[in-house]
């Protein structure tokens, strides 16, 4: 007779999994039909092992993404990739997903982190921009252009300063 309580537990777990799938897939009609029924009452168990609902293939993950989805893109093109210290590089490109007049910033990779430089511009007509930067320190600079909020940025480009 121990199989009857076990069948109820599996049935409840299956029901909970089905309800989860219905809610996640947007099946509101099925969710209303299932949630309008009386919720099951827990039964005492002899095992200390928790009962987990079954994993159904193809269901979306509940883990939040670490990187928010950005809508838009930025291109970047320097007029020169190798300069002498004190020379100016002109970066041009196009922005999609940001309104005309939005502030853009120039960032460089410093100690493994993207740091915003004090060089800004705004998105112009047709989503185009021009931003100038004078590099005074010798070395290799990895730079990118980003919307001030940081949600959208270009791919990095390298400028060698000698």
Protein backbone atom coordinates (compact mmCIF):
# COMPACT_ATOMS: atom_id res chain seq x y z
CA UNK A 1 0.00 0.00 0.00
CA UNK A 2 2.98 2.35 0.04
CA UNK A 3 2.66 2.87 -3.72
CA UNK A 4 -0.55 4.93 -3.42
CA UNK A 5 1.05 7.91 -1.58
CA UNK A 6 4.02 7.75 -3.96
CA UNK A 7 1.68 7.94 -6.98
CA UNK A 8 0.03 11.01 -5.46
CA UNK A 9 3.41 12.69 -4.97
CA UNK A 10 4.45 11.99 -8.56
CA UNK A 11 1.07 13.21 -9.78
CA UNK A 12 1.46 16.43 -7.82
CA UNK A 13 4.99 16.94 -9.11
CA UNK A 14 3.82 16.30 -12.66
CA UNK A 15 0.93 18.74 -12.16
CA UNK A 16 3.28 21.40 -10.81
CA UNK A 17 5.62 20.90 -13.76
CA UNK A 18 2.73 21.14 -16.21
CA UNK A 19 1.50 24.33 -14.55
CA UNK A 20 5.00 25.82 -14.73
CA UNK A 21 5.27 25.02 -18.42
CA UNK A 22 1.83 26.50 -19.07
CA UNK A 23 2.71 29.72 -17.24
CA UNK A 24 6.12 30.05 -18.87
CA UNK A 25 4.84 29.41 -22.37
CA UNK A 26 2.08 31.96 -22.02
CA UNK A 27 -0.72 29.41 -22.02
CA UNK A 28 -3.07 31.54 -19.94
CA UNK A 29 -6.15 29.47 -20.74
CA UNK A 30 -4.49 26.34 -19.41
CA UNK A 31 -3.11 28.21 -16.44
CA UNK A 32 -6.53 29.54 -15.46
CA UNK A 33 -8.05 26.09 -15.79
CA UNK A 34 -5.39 24.53 -13.59
CA UNK A 35 -5.24 27.33 -11.01
CA UNK A 36 -9.00 27.46 -10.53
CA UNK A 37 -8.93 23.93 -9.12
CA UNK A 38 -8.39 23.37 -5.40
CA UNK A 39 -4.66 23.34 -4.65
CA UNK A 40 -3.33 19.96 -3.50
CA UNK A 41 -2.58 19.51 0.17
CA UNK A 42 0.82 18.16 1.09
CA UNK A 43 0.93 14.61 2.39
CA UNK A 44 3.36 13.42 5.02
CA UNK A 45 6.37 11.63 3.62
CA UNK A 46 8.75 9.18 5.19
CA UNK A 47 11.71 10.29 3.11
CA UNK A 48 13.80 13.37 3.83
CA UNK A 49 14.58 13.71 0.10
CA UNK A 50 12.75 16.64 -1.52
CA UNK A 51 10.48 15.83 -4.45
CA UNK A 52 11.43 17.87 -7.50
CA UNK A 53 9.15 18.50 -10.44
CA UNK A 54 10.26 16.81 -13.65
CA UNK A 55 12.44 18.75 -16.05
CA UNK A 56 10.76 19.03 -19.43
CA UNK A 57 12.99 19.51 -22.46
CA UNK A 58 12.47 22.73 -24.37
CA UNK A 59 11.25 24.84 -21.46
CA UNK A 60 12.83 28.28 -21.10
CA UNK A 61 15.41 28.82 -18.39
CA UNK A 62 14.44 30.92 -15.41
CA UNK A 63 17.97 32.26 -14.89
CA UNK A 64 18.24 36.00 -15.58
CA UNK A 65 20.78 36.96 -18.18
CA UNK A 66 23.87 38.71 -16.86
CA UNK A 67 24.13 41.02 -19.81
CA UNK A 68 21.06 42.97 -20.69
CA UNK A 69 19.99 42.78 -24.30
CA UNK A 70 20.96 46.01 -25.97
CA UNK A 71 18.93 47.29 -28.86
CA UNK A 72 21.20 49.03 -31.31
CA UNK A 73 24.76 49.15 -32.51
CA UNK A 74 27.68 51.51 -32.99
CA UNK A 75 30.36 51.31 -35.66
CA UNK A 76 33.78 52.92 -35.23
CA UNK A 77 36.49 53.79 -37.73
CA UNK A 78 39.69 55.71 -36.85
CA UNK A 79 41.33 57.90 -39.48
CA UNK A 80 44.74 56.54 -38.35
CA UNK A 81 45.75 53.44 -36.40
CA UNK A 82 49.36 54.45 -35.73
CA UNK A 83 50.28 57.94 -34.47
CA UNK A 84 52.96 59.81 -32.55
CA UNK A 85 52.34 61.00 -29.00
CA UNK A 86 50.45 64.30 -29.11
CA UNK A 87 48.69 63.55 -32.41
CA UNK A 88 44.91 63.50 -32.76
CA UNK A 89 42.83 60.61 -34.05
CA UNK A 90 39.39 61.23 -35.54
CA UNK A 91 36.87 58.44 -34.96
CA UNK A 92 33.76 58.34 -37.11
CA UNK A 93 30.88 55.94 -37.27
CA UNK A 94 27.18 55.34 -37.25
CA UNK A 95 24.75 54.65 -34.41
CA UNK A 96 21.49 52.71 -34.55
CA UNK A 97 19.10 52.45 -31.63
CA UNK A 98 19.97 55.87 -30.13
CA UNK A 99 18.13 59.11 -30.79
CA UNK A 100 19.64 62.09 -32.53
CA UNK A 101 21.33 64.24 -29.87
CA UNK A 102 22.18 61.31 -27.57
CA UNK A 103 25.56 61.66 -25.87
CA UNK A 104 28.38 59.34 -26.91
CA UNK A 105 31.58 58.83 -24.95
CA UNK A 106 35.01 57.47 -25.85
CA UNK A 107 36.25 54.66 -23.61
CA UNK A 108 39.62 52.94 -23.35
CA UNK A 109 40.66 49.63 -21.82
CA UNK A 110 42.66 50.35 -18.66
CA UNK A 111 43.74 47.55 -16.29
CA UNK A 112 41.12 45.21 -17.75
CA UNK A 113 38.20 47.65 -17.33
CA UNK A 114 36.57 50.03 -19.78
CA UNK A 115 37.12 53.57 -18.50
CA UNK A 116 35.28 56.57 -19.89
CA UNK A 117 37.55 59.32 -21.19
CA UNK A 118 36.61 63.00 -21.10
CA UNK A 119 35.87 62.96 -24.80
CA UNK A 120 32.22 63.19 -25.83
CA UNK A 121 30.06 63.95 -28.83
CA UNK A 122 26.41 63.65 -29.80
CA UNK A 123 24.59 61.55 -32.37
CA UNK A 124 23.99 63.71 -35.43
CA UNK A 125 21.69 63.50 -38.43
CA UNK A 126 21.33 60.04 -39.95
CA UNK A 127 22.86 58.54 -36.78
CA UNK A 128 26.40 59.63 -37.66
CA UNK A 129 29.04 60.91 -35.24
CA UNK A 130 32.60 62.26 -35.21
CA UNK A 131 34.75 62.23 -32.09
CA UNK A 132 38.38 63.42 -31.77
CA UNK A 133 40.99 62.39 -29.22
CA UNK A 134 44.61 63.44 -28.70
CA UNK A 135 46.74 60.65 -27.23
CA UNK A 136 49.74 61.78 -25.18
CA UNK A 137 50.96 58.51 -23.63
CA UNK A 138 53.03 56.07 -25.66
CA UNK A 139 51.74 52.52 -26.00
CA UNK A 140 48.82 50.67 -27.47
CA UNK A 141 45.34 52.03 -26.78
CA UNK A 142 42.20 49.94 -27.19
CA UNK A 143 39.26 52.30 -27.54
CA UNK A 144 35.53 52.09 -28.24
CA UNK A 145 32.58 54.47 -28.51
CA UNK A 146 29.59 53.96 -26.21
CA UNK A 147 26.27 55.58 -25.50
CA UNK A 148 26.63 57.47 -22.20
CA UNK A 149 24.39 54.93 -20.43
CA UNK A 150 26.84 52.19 -21.48
CA UNK A 151 24.09 49.92 -22.81
CA UNK A 152 25.34 50.05 -26.42
CA UNK A 153 28.98 50.23 -27.50
CA UNK A 154 31.13 49.64 -30.54
CA UNK A 155 33.68 46.90 -31.05
CA UNK A 156 37.11 48.00 -29.82
CA UNK A 157 39.78 49.35 -32.17
CA UNK A 158 43.51 49.59 -31.49
CA UNK A 159 45.62 52.73 -31.89
CA UNK A 160 49.42 52.50 -31.52
CA UNK A 161 51.02 55.60 -30.03
CA UNK A 162 54.80 55.98 -30.45
